[in-house]
Amino acid sequence: MPLAYTGGLVVAQGFIRSLYVHMGFHPAWKYEEVHELVFESGHLISESDLSSRMVDVRKKAEGDTMQINGTPSKKEIEVWIAECFRRDYKR
């Protein structure tokens, strides 16, 4: 079915179970295979395999933690929750 969509989609498969957190939407870096599809007026104009970039993001995320000097601030918790529920992405 034709759809006059302009924009991007990130599609992924192979969820990495060890990265499961029972909250929000799972970001692309939690999947083994990730592709970005860019459409213009319903026509696919580009496709990018982002899987290797997600490996780098996972490595960076391994060092990240919500705890900064003990207990996170209310603002840090709010930012973390907002990130868990975002559905957009930046190219």
PDB file of N, CA and C in Angstrom:
ATOM      1  N   MET A   1       0.845  -1.162   0.000  1.00  0.00           N
ATOM      2  CA  MET A   1       0.000   0.000   0.000  1.00  0.00           C
ATOM      3  C   MET A   1       0.900   1.237   0.000  1.00  0.00           C
ATOM      4  N   PRO A   2       0.743   2.109  -0.992  1.00  0.00           N
ATOM      5  CA  PRO A   2       1.554   3.335  -1.043  1.00  0.00           C
ATOM      6  C   PRO A   2       1.275   4.241   0.162  1.00  0.00           C
ATOM      7  N   LEU A   3       2.315   4.849   0.647  1.00  0.00           N
ATOM      8  CA  LEU A   3       2.203   5.766   1.771  1.00  0.00           C
ATOM      9  C   LEU A   3       3.146   6.935   1.503  1.00  0.00           C
ATOM     10  N   ALA A   4       2.605   8.123   1.409  1.00  0.00           N
ATOM     11  CA  ALA A   4       3.423   9.307   1.089  1.00  0.00           C
ATOM     12  C   ALA A   4       4.148   9.801   2.340  1.00  0.00           C
ATOM     13  N   TYR A   5       5.084   9.003   2.814  1.00  0.00           N
ATOM     14  CA  TYR A   5       5.823   9.309   4.035  1.00  0.00           C
ATOM     15  C   TYR A   5       7.180   9.894   3.683  1.00  0.00           C
ATOM     16  N   THR A   6       7.554  10.949   4.373  1.00  0.00           N
ATOM     17  CA  THR A   6       8.890  11.516   4.251  1.00  0.00           C
ATOM     18  C   THR A   6       9.504  11.532   5.642  1.00  0.00           C
ATOM     19  N   GLY A   7      10.652  10.894   5.772  1.00  0.00           N
ATOM     20  CA  GLY A   7      11.325  10.827   7.063  1.00  0.00           C
ATOM     21  C   GLY A   7      12.100   9.541   7.185  1.00  0.00           C
ATOM     22  N   GLY A   8      12.563   9.278   8.379  1.00  0.00           N
ATOM     23  CA  GLY A   8      13.376   8.097   8.610  1.00  0.00           C
ATOM     24  C   GLY A   8      12.729   7.120   9.558  1.00  0.00           C
ATOM     25  N   LEU A   9      13.125   5.871   9.430  1.00  0.00           N
ATOM     26  CA  LEU A   9      12.714   4.799  10.330  1.00  0.00           C
ATOM     27  C   LEU A   9      13.962   4.029  10.734  1.00  0.00           C
ATOM     28  N   VAL A  10      14.018   3.655  11.987  1.00  0.00           N
ATOM     29  CA  VAL A  10      15.078   2.772  12.449  1.00  0.00           C
ATOM     30  C   VAL A  10      14.414   1.430  12.737  1.00  0.00           C
ATOM     31  N   VAL A  11      14.907   0.391  12.081  1.00  0.00           N
ATOM     32  CA  VAL A  11      14.370  -0.955  12.279  1.00  0.00           C
ATOM     33  C   VAL A  11      15.477  -1.838  12.829  1.00  0.00           C
ATOM     34  N   ALA A  12      15.094  -2.735  13.734  1.00  0.00           N
ATOM     35  CA  ALA A  12      16.102  -3.551  14.404  1.00  0.00           C
ATOM     36  C   ALA A  12      15.569  -4.949  14.657  1.00  0.00           C
ATOM     37  N   GLN A  13      16.505  -5.883  14.799  1.00  0.00           N
ATOM     38  CA  GLN A  13      16.141  -7.244  15.192  1.00  0.00           C
ATOM     39  C   GLN A  13      17.279  -7.826  16.004  1.00  0.00           C
ATOM     40  N   GLY A  14      16.968  -8.868  16.743  1.00  0.00           N
ATOM     41  CA  GLY A  14      17.980  -9.525  17.566  1.00  0.00           C
ATOM     42  C   GLY A  14      18.197  -8.816  18.887  1.00  0.00           C
ATOM     43  N   PHE A  15      17.108  -8.651  19.645  1.00  0.00           N
ATOM     44  CA  PHE A  15      17.216  -7.976  20.942  1.00  0.00           C
ATOM     45  C   PHE A  15      18.208  -8.722  21.838  1.00  0.00           C
ATOM     46  N   ILE A  16      19.061  -7.979  22.507  1.00  0.00           N
ATOM     47  CA  ILE A  16      20.074  -8.544  23.402  1.00  0.00           C
ATOM     48  C   ILE A  16      19.462  -8.634  24.798  1.00  0.00           C
ATOM     49  N   ARG A  17      19.049  -9.835  25.176  1.00  0.00           N
ATOM     50  CA  ARG A  17      18.282 -10.050  26.417  1.00  0.00           C
ATOM     51  C   ARG A  17      19.010  -9.545  27.664  1.00  0.00           C
ATOM     52  N   SER A  18      20.318  -9.600  27.679  1.00  0.00           N
ATOM     53  CA  SER A  18      21.058  -9.157  28.870  1.00  0.00           C
ATOM     54  C   SER A  18      20.926  -7.654  29.102  1.00  0.00           C
ATOM     55  N   LEU A  19      20.434  -6.903  28.105  1.00  0.00           N
ATOM     56  CA  LEU A  19      20.274  -5.447  28.235  1.00  0.00           C
ATOM     57  C   LEU A  19      18.835  -5.050  28.586  1.00  0.00           C
ATOM     58  N   TYR A  20      17.996  -6.049  28.863  1.00  0.00           N
ATOM     59  CA  TYR A  20      16.590  -5.773  29.170  1.00  0.00           C
ATOM     60  C   TYR A  20      16.446  -4.979  30.459  1.00  0.00           C
ATOM     61  N   VAL A  21      15.621  -3.936  30.391  1.00  0.00           N
ATOM     62  CA  VAL A  21      15.207  -3.162  31.562  1.00  0.00           C
ATOM     63  C   VAL A  21      13.705  -3.015  31.437  1.00  0.00           C
ATOM     64  N   HIS A  22      12.987  -3.340  32.496  1.00  0.00           N
ATOM     65  CA  HIS A  22      11.529  -3.301  32.454  1.00  0.00           C
ATOM     66  C   HIS A  22      11.034  -1.861  32.598  1.00  0.00           C
ATOM     67  N   MET A  23      11.237  -1.079  31.524  1.00  0.00           N
ATOM     68  CA  MET A  23      10.785   0.307  31.543  1.00  0.00           C
ATOM     69  C   MET A  23      11.015   0.937  30.180  1.00  0.00           C
ATOM     70  N   GLY A  24      10.005   1.583  29.669  1.00  0.00           N
ATOM     71  CA  GLY A  24      10.168   2.377  28.457  1.00  0.00           C
ATOM     72  C   GLY A  24      10.349   1.563  27.197  1.00  0.00           C
ATOM     73  N   PHE A  25      10.873   2.219  26.182  1.00  0.00           N
ATOM     74  CA  PHE A  25      11.116   1.614  24.888  1.00  0.00           C
ATOM     75  C   PHE A  25      12.590   1.241  24.802  1.00  0.00           C
ATOM     76  N   HIS A  26      12.854   0.148  24.162  1.00  0.00           N
ATOM     77  CA  HIS A  26      14.241  -0.286  24.036  1.00  0.00           C
ATOM     78  C   HIS A  26      14.912   0.466  22.891  1.00  0.00           C
ATOM     79  N   PRO A  27      16.014   1.145  23.169  1.00  0.00           N
ATOM     80  CA  PRO A  27      16.714   1.895  22.123  1.00  0.00           C
ATOM     81  C   PRO A  27      17.412   0.965  21.134  1.00  0.00           C
ATOM     82  N   ALA A  28      17.748   1.511  19.998  1.00  0.00           N
ATOM     83  CA  ALA A  28      18.350   0.729  18.913  1.00  0.00           C
ATOM     84  C   ALA A  28      19.625   0.024  19.347  1.00  0.00           C
ATOM     85  N   TRP A  29      20.403   0.606  20.230  1.00  0.00           N
ATOM     86  CA  TRP A  29      21.677   0.002  20.601  1.00  0.00           C
ATOM     87  C   TRP A  29      21.521  -1.305  21.379  1.00  0.00           C
ATOM     88  N   LYS A  30      20.288  -1.637  21.775  1.00  0.00           N
ATOM     89  CA  LYS A  30      20.045  -2.900  22.481  1.00  0.00           C
ATOM     90  C   LYS A  30      19.724  -4.049  21.523  1.00  0.00           C
ATOM     91  N   TYR A  31      19.934  -3.826  20.232  1.00  0.00           N
ATOM     92  CA  TYR A  31      19.680  -4.849  19.215  1.00  0.00           C
ATOM     93  C   TYR A  31      20.960  -5.167  18.455  1.00  0.00           C
ATOM     94  N   GLU A  32      21.068  -6.394  17.993  1.00  0.00           N
ATOM     95  CA  GLU A  32      22.259  -6.821  17.258  1.00  0.00           C
ATOM     96  C   GLU A  32      22.313  -6.241  15.847  1.00  0.00           C
ATOM     97  N   GLU A  33      21.177  -6.174  15.179  1.00  0.00           N
ATOM     98  CA  GLU A  33      21.134  -5.675  13.807  1.00  0.00           C
ATOM     99  C   GLU A  33      20.224  -4.452  13.735  1.00  0.00           C
ATOM    100  N   VAL A  34      20.769  -3.341  13.215  1.00  0.00           N
ATOM    101  CA  VAL A  34      20.030  -2.079  13.171  1.00  0.00           C
ATOM    102  C   VAL A  34      20.221  -1.430  11.799  1.00  0.00           C
ATOM    103  N   HIS A  35      19.108  -1.006  11.208  1.00  0.00           N
ATOM    104  CA  HIS A  35      19.145  -0.338   9.906  1.00  0.00           C
ATOM    105  C   HIS A  35      18.314   0.939   9.971  1.00  0.00           C
ATOM    106  N   GLU A  36      18.779   1.952   9.276  1.00  0.00           N
ATOM    107  CA  GLU A  36      18.015   3.187   9.124  1.00  0.00           C
ATOM    108  C   GLU A  36      17.521   3.257   7.684  1.00  0.00           C
ATOM    109  N   LEU A  37      16.225   3.485   7.531  1.00  0.00           N
ATOM    110  CA  LEU A  37      15.605   3.635   6.213  1.00  0.00           C
ATOM    111  C   LEU A  37      15.108   5.069   6.103  1.00  0.00           C
ATOM    112  N   VAL A  38      15.465   5.743   5.029  1.00  0.00           N
ATOM    113  CA  VAL A  38      15.043   7.131   4.818  1.00  0.00           C
ATOM    114  C   VAL A  38      14.153   7.169   3.577  1.00  0.00           C
ATOM    115  N   PHE A  39      12.969   7.770   3.759  1.00  0.00           N
ATOM    116  CA  PHE A  39      11.974   7.843   2.692  1.00  0.00           C
ATOM    117  C   PHE A  39      11.703   9.289   2.302  1.00  0.00           C
ATOM    118  N   GLU A  40      11.370   9.480   1.048  1.00  0.00           N
ATOM    119  CA  GLU A  40      10.915  10.778   0.555  1.00  0.00           C
ATOM    120  C   GLU A  40       9.672  10.519  -0.296  1.00  0.00           C
ATOM    121  N   SER A  41       8.567  11.080   0.144  1.00  0.00           N
ATOM    122  CA  SER A  41       7.283  10.891  -0.542  1.00  0.00           C
ATOM    123  C   SER A  41       6.996   9.416  -0.805  1.00  0.00           C
ATOM    124  N   GLY A  42       7.300   8.583   0.173  1.00  0.00           N
ATOM    125  CA  GLY A  42       7.008   7.166   0.066  1.00  0.00           C
ATOM    126  C   GLY A  42       8.047   6.329  -0.646  1.00  0.00           C
ATOM    127  N   HIS A  43       9.090   6.948  -1.178  1.00  0.00           N
ATOM    128  CA  HIS A  43      10.141   6.220  -1.890  1.00  0.00           C
ATOM    129  C   HIS A  43      11.383   6.102  -1.006  1.00  0.00           C
ATOM    130  N   LEU A  44      11.899   4.887  -0.914  1.00  0.00           N
ATOM    131  CA  LEU A  44      13.130   4.658  -0.155  1.00  0.00           C
ATOM    132  C   LEU A  44      14.290   5.324  -0.886  1.00  0.00           C
ATOM    133  N   ILE A  45      14.946   6.285  -0.214  1.00  0.00           N
ATOM    134  CA  ILE A  45      16.058   6.984  -0.867  1.00  0.00           C
ATOM    135  C   ILE A  45      17.414   6.573  -0.312  1.00  0.00           C
ATOM    136  N   SER A  46      17.431   6.011   0.914  1.00  0.00           N
ATOM    137  CA  SER A  46      18.700   5.508   1.431  1.00  0.00           C
ATOM    138  C   SER A  46      18.452   4.493   2.542  1.00  0.00           C
ATOM    139  N   GLU A  47      19.436   3.616   2.681  1.00  0.00           N
ATOM    140  CA  GLU A  47      19.410   2.599   3.730  1.00  0.00           C
ATOM    141  C   GLU A  47      20.815   2.506   4.290  1.00  0.00           C
ATOM    142  N   SER A  48      20.924   2.513   5.601  1.00  0.00           N
ATOM    143  CA  SER A  48      22.229   2.427   6.241  1.00  0.00           C
ATOM    144  C   SER A  48      22.210   1.327   7.286  1.00  0.00           C
ATOM    145  N   ASP A  49      23.244   0.499   7.291  1.00  0.00           N
ATOM    146  CA  ASP A  49      23.408  -0.521   8.316  1.00  0.00           C
ATOM    147  C   ASP A  49      24.151   0.135   9.476  1.00  0.00           C
ATOM    148  N   LEU A  50      23.483   0.298  10.593  1.00  0.00           N
ATOM    149  CA  LEU A  50      24.055   0.964  11.768  1.00  0.00           C
ATOM    150  C   LEU A  50      24.535  -0.026  12.822  1.00  0.00           C
ATOM    151  N   SER A  51      24.540  -1.305  12.490  1.00  0.00           N
ATOM    152  CA  SER A  51      24.854  -2.344  13.475  1.00  0.00           C
ATOM    153  C   SER A  51      26.216  -2.149  14.129  1.00  0.00           C
ATOM    154  N   SER A  52      27.239  -1.832  13.356  1.00  0.00           N
ATOM    155  CA  SER A  52      28.574  -1.657  13.950  1.00  0.00           C
ATOM    156  C   SER A  52      28.634  -0.405  14.824  1.00  0.00           C
ATOM    157  N   ARG A  53      27.892   0.625  14.460  1.00  0.00           N
ATOM    158  CA  ARG A  53      27.835   1.831  15.311  1.00  0.00           C
ATOM    159  C   ARG A  53      27.167   1.515  16.646  1.00  0.00           C
ATOM    160  N   MET A  54      26.188   0.608  16.634  1.00  0.00           N
ATOM    161  CA  MET A  54      25.497   0.246  17.871  1.00  0.00           C
ATOM    162  C   MET A  54      26.433  -0.514  18.817  1.00  0.00           C
ATOM    163  N   VAL A  55      27.405  -1.255  18.256  1.00  0.00           N
ATOM    164  CA  VAL A  55      28.410  -1.915  19.088  1.00  0.00           C
ATOM    165  C   VAL A  55      29.176  -0.858  19.877  1.00  0.00           C
ATOM    166  N   ASP A  56      29.573   0.226  19.208  1.00  0.00           N
ATOM    167  CA  ASP A  56      30.292   1.322  19.882  1.00  0.00           C
ATOM    168  C   ASP A  56      29.422   1.970  20.953  1.00  0.00           C
ATOM    169  N   VAL A  57      28.148   2.167  20.656  1.00  0.00           N
ATOM    170  CA  VAL A  57      27.230   2.774  21.632  1.00  0.00           C
ATOM    171  C   VAL A  57      27.091   1.860  22.846  1.00  0.00           C
ATOM    172  N   ARG A  58      26.988   0.546  22.624  1.00  0.00           N
ATOM    173  CA  ARG A  58      26.889  -0.396  23.745  1.00  0.00           C
ATOM    174  C   ARG A  58      28.129  -0.329  24.624  1.00  0.00           C
ATOM    175  N   LYS A  59      29.302  -0.222  24.007  1.00  0.00           N
ATOM    176  CA  LYS A  59      30.540  -0.127  24.786  1.00  0.00           C
ATOM    177  C   LYS A  59      30.531   1.127  25.653  1.00  0.00           C
ATOM    178  N   LYS A  60      30.078   2.226  25.083  1.00  0.00           N
ATOM    179  CA  LYS A  60      29.988   3.481  25.849  1.00  0.00           C
ATOM    180  C   LYS A  60      28.968   3.352  26.971  1.00  0.00           C
ATOM    181  N   ALA A  61      27.844   2.697  26.687  1.00  0.00           N
ATOM    182  CA  ALA A  61      26.779   2.550  27.685  1.00  0.00           C
ATOM    183  C   ALA A  61      27.209   1.675  28.852  1.00  0.00           C
ATOM    184  N   GLU A  62      28.123   0.751  28.622  1.00  0.00           N
ATOM    185  CA  GLU A  62      28.601  -0.111  29.702  1.00  0.00           C
ATOM    186  C   GLU A  62      29.183   0.706  30.850  1.00  0.00           C
ATOM    187  N   GLY A  63      29.820   1.826  30.524  1.00  0.00           N
ATOM    188  CA  GLY A  63      30.436   2.655  31.550  1.00  0.00           C
ATOM    189  C   GLY A  63      29.482   3.651  32.177  1.00  0.00           C
ATOM    190  N   ASP A  64      28.337   3.885  31.514  1.00  0.00           N
ATOM    191  CA  ASP A  64      27.362   4.840  32.047  1.00  0.00           C
ATOM    192  C   ASP A  64      26.568   4.197  33.170  1.00  0.00           C
ATOM    193  N   THR A  65      26.245   4.987  34.150  1.00  0.00           N
ATOM    194  CA  THR A  65      25.415   4.517  35.254  1.00  0.00           C
ATOM    195  C   THR A  65      24.543   5.663  35.714  1.00  0.00           C
ATOM    196  N   MET A  66      23.400   5.342  36.247  1.00  0.00           N
ATOM    197  CA  MET A  66      22.497   6.373  36.728  1.00  0.00           C
ATOM    198  C   MET A  66      23.036   6.990  38.013  1.00  0.00           C
ATOM    199  N   GLN A  67      23.842   6.282  38.735  1.00  0.00           N
ATOM    200  CA  GLN A  67      24.333   6.795  40.000  1.00  0.00           C
ATOM    201  C   GLN A  67      25.568   7.665  39.781  1.00  0.00           C
ATOM    202  N   ILE A  68      25.463   8.885  40.215  1.00  0.00           N
ATOM    203  CA  ILE A  68      26.572   9.823  40.145  1.00  0.00           C
ATOM    204  C   ILE A  68      26.828  10.295  41.563  1.00  0.00           C
ATOM    205  N   ASN A  69      27.994   9.970  42.092  1.00  0.00           N
ATOM    206  CA  ASN A  69      28.317  10.313  43.478  1.00  0.00           C
ATOM    207  C   ASN A  69      27.238   9.831  44.444  1.00  0.00           C
ATOM    208  N   GLY A  70      26.826   8.589  44.299  1.00  0.00           N
ATOM    209  CA  GLY A  70      25.828   8.046  45.223  1.00  0.00           C
ATOM    210  C   GLY A  70      24.434   8.048  44.647  1.00  0.00           C
ATOM    211  N   THR A  71      23.587   8.945  45.134  1.00  0.00           N
ATOM    212  CA  THR A  71      22.184   8.986  44.740  1.00  0.00           C
ATOM    213  C   THR A  71      21.959  10.042  43.669  1.00  0.00           C
ATOM    214  N   PRO A  72      21.277   9.680  42.565  1.00  0.00           N
ATOM    215  CA  PRO A  72      21.022  10.669  41.513  1.00  0.00           C
ATOM    216  C   PRO A  72      20.041  11.739  41.982  1.00  0.00           C
ATOM    217  N   SER A  73      20.174  12.926  41.414  1.00  0.00           N
ATOM    218  CA  SER A  73      19.256  14.017  41.740  1.00  0.00           C
ATOM    219  C   SER A  73      17.905  13.781  41.075  1.00  0.00           C
ATOM    220  N   LYS A  74      16.913  14.538  41.496  1.00  0.00           N
ATOM    221  CA  LYS A  74      15.583  14.450  40.886  1.00  0.00           C
ATOM    222  C   LYS A  74      15.681  14.765  39.392  1.00  0.00           C
ATOM    223  N   LYS A  75      16.466  15.764  39.033  1.00  0.00           N
ATOM    224  CA  LYS A  75      16.628  16.150  37.622  1.00  0.00           C
ATOM    225  C   LYS A  75      17.267  15.017  36.821  1.00  0.00           C
ATOM    226  N   GLU A  76      18.292  14.370  37.373  1.00  0.00           N
ATOM    227  CA  GLU A  76      18.945  13.255  36.683  1.00  0.00           C
ATOM    228  C   GLU A  76      17.967  12.101  36.453  1.00  0.00           C
ATOM    229  N   ILE A  77      17.124  11.830  37.426  1.00  0.00           N
ATOM    230  CA  ILE A  77      16.116  10.780  37.284  1.00  0.00           C
ATOM    231  C   ILE A  77      15.103  11.166  36.215  1.00  0.00           C
ATOM    232  N   GLU A  78      14.658  12.422  36.204  1.00  0.00           N
ATOM    233  CA  GLU A  78      13.700  12.887  35.193  1.00  0.00           C
ATOM    234  C   GLU A  78      14.272  12.768  33.784  1.00  0.00           C
ATOM    235  N   VAL A  79      15.531  13.125  33.614  1.00  0.00           N
ATOM    236  CA  VAL A  79      16.185  13.023  32.308  1.00  0.00           C
ATOM    237  C   VAL A  79      16.269  11.560  31.885  1.00  0.00           C
ATOM    238  N   TRP A  80      16.644  10.679  32.814  1.00  0.00           N
ATOM    239  CA  TRP A  80      16.759   9.257  32.513  1.00  0.00           C
ATOM    240  C   TRP A  80      15.404   8.678  32.097  1.00  0.00           C
ATOM    241  N   ILE A  81      14.349   9.021  32.807  1.00  0.00           N
ATOM    242  CA  ILE A  81      13.002   8.545  32.464  1.00  0.00           C
ATOM    243  C   ILE A  81      12.575   9.076  31.099  1.00  0.00           C
ATOM    244  N   ALA A  82      12.827  10.353  30.834  1.00  0.00           N
ATOM    245  CA  ALA A  82      12.468  10.926  29.530  1.00  0.00           C
ATOM    246  C   ALA A  82      13.190  10.196  28.407  1.00  0.00           C
ATOM    247  N   GLU A  83      14.450   9.849  28.600  1.00  0.00           N
ATOM    248  CA  GLU A  83      15.212   9.113  27.592  1.00  0.00           C
ATOM    249  C   GLU A  83      14.638   7.710  27.377  1.00  0.00           C
ATOM    250  N   CYS A  84      14.170   7.081  28.436  1.00  0.00           N
ATOM    251  CA  CYS A  84      13.611   5.730  28.324  1.00  0.00           C
ATOM    252  C   CYS A  84      12.348   5.705  27.465  1.00  0.00           C
ATOM    253  N   PHE A  85      11.621   6.808  27.425  1.00  0.00           N
ATOM    254  CA  PHE A  85      10.349   6.830  26.722  1.00  0.00           C
ATOM    255  C   PHE A  85      10.372   7.604  25.411  1.00  0.00           C
ATOM    256  N   ARG A  86      11.528   8.073  24.955  1.00  0.00           N
ATOM    257  CA  ARG A  86      11.539   8.792  23.687  1.00  0.00           C
ATOM    258  C   ARG A  86      11.434   7.827  22.523  1.00  0.00           C
ATOM    259  N   ARG A  87      10.797   8.296  21.480  1.00  0.00           N
ATOM    260  CA  ARG A  87      10.627   7.465  20.296  1.00  0.00           C
ATOM    261  C   ARG A  87      11.232   8.130  19.066  1.00  0.00           C
ATOM    262  N   ASP A  88      11.908   9.240  19.244  1.00  0.00           N
ATOM    263  CA  ASP A  88      12.527   9.907  18.112  1.00  0.00           C
ATOM    264  C   ASP A  88      14.007   9.520  18.040  1.00  0.00           C
ATOM    265  N   TYR A  89      14.645   9.983  17.034  1.00  0.00           N
ATOM    266  CA  TYR A  89      16.080   9.788  16.923  1.00  0.00           C
ATOM    267  C   TYR A  89      16.640  10.937  16.096  1.00  0.00           C
ATOM    268  N   LYS A  90      17.924  11.156  16.279  1.00  0.00           N
ATOM    269  CA  LYS A  90      18.602  12.202  15.513  1.00  0.00           C
ATOM    270  C   LYS A  90      19.552  11.541  14.561  1.00  0.00           C
ATOM    271  N   ARG A  91      19.585  12.029  13.330  1.00  0.00           N
ATOM    272  CA  ARG A  91      20.463  11.455  12.327  1.00  0.00           C
ATOM    273  C   ARG A  91      21.875  11.932  12.529  1.00  0.00           C
TER     274      ARG A  91
END
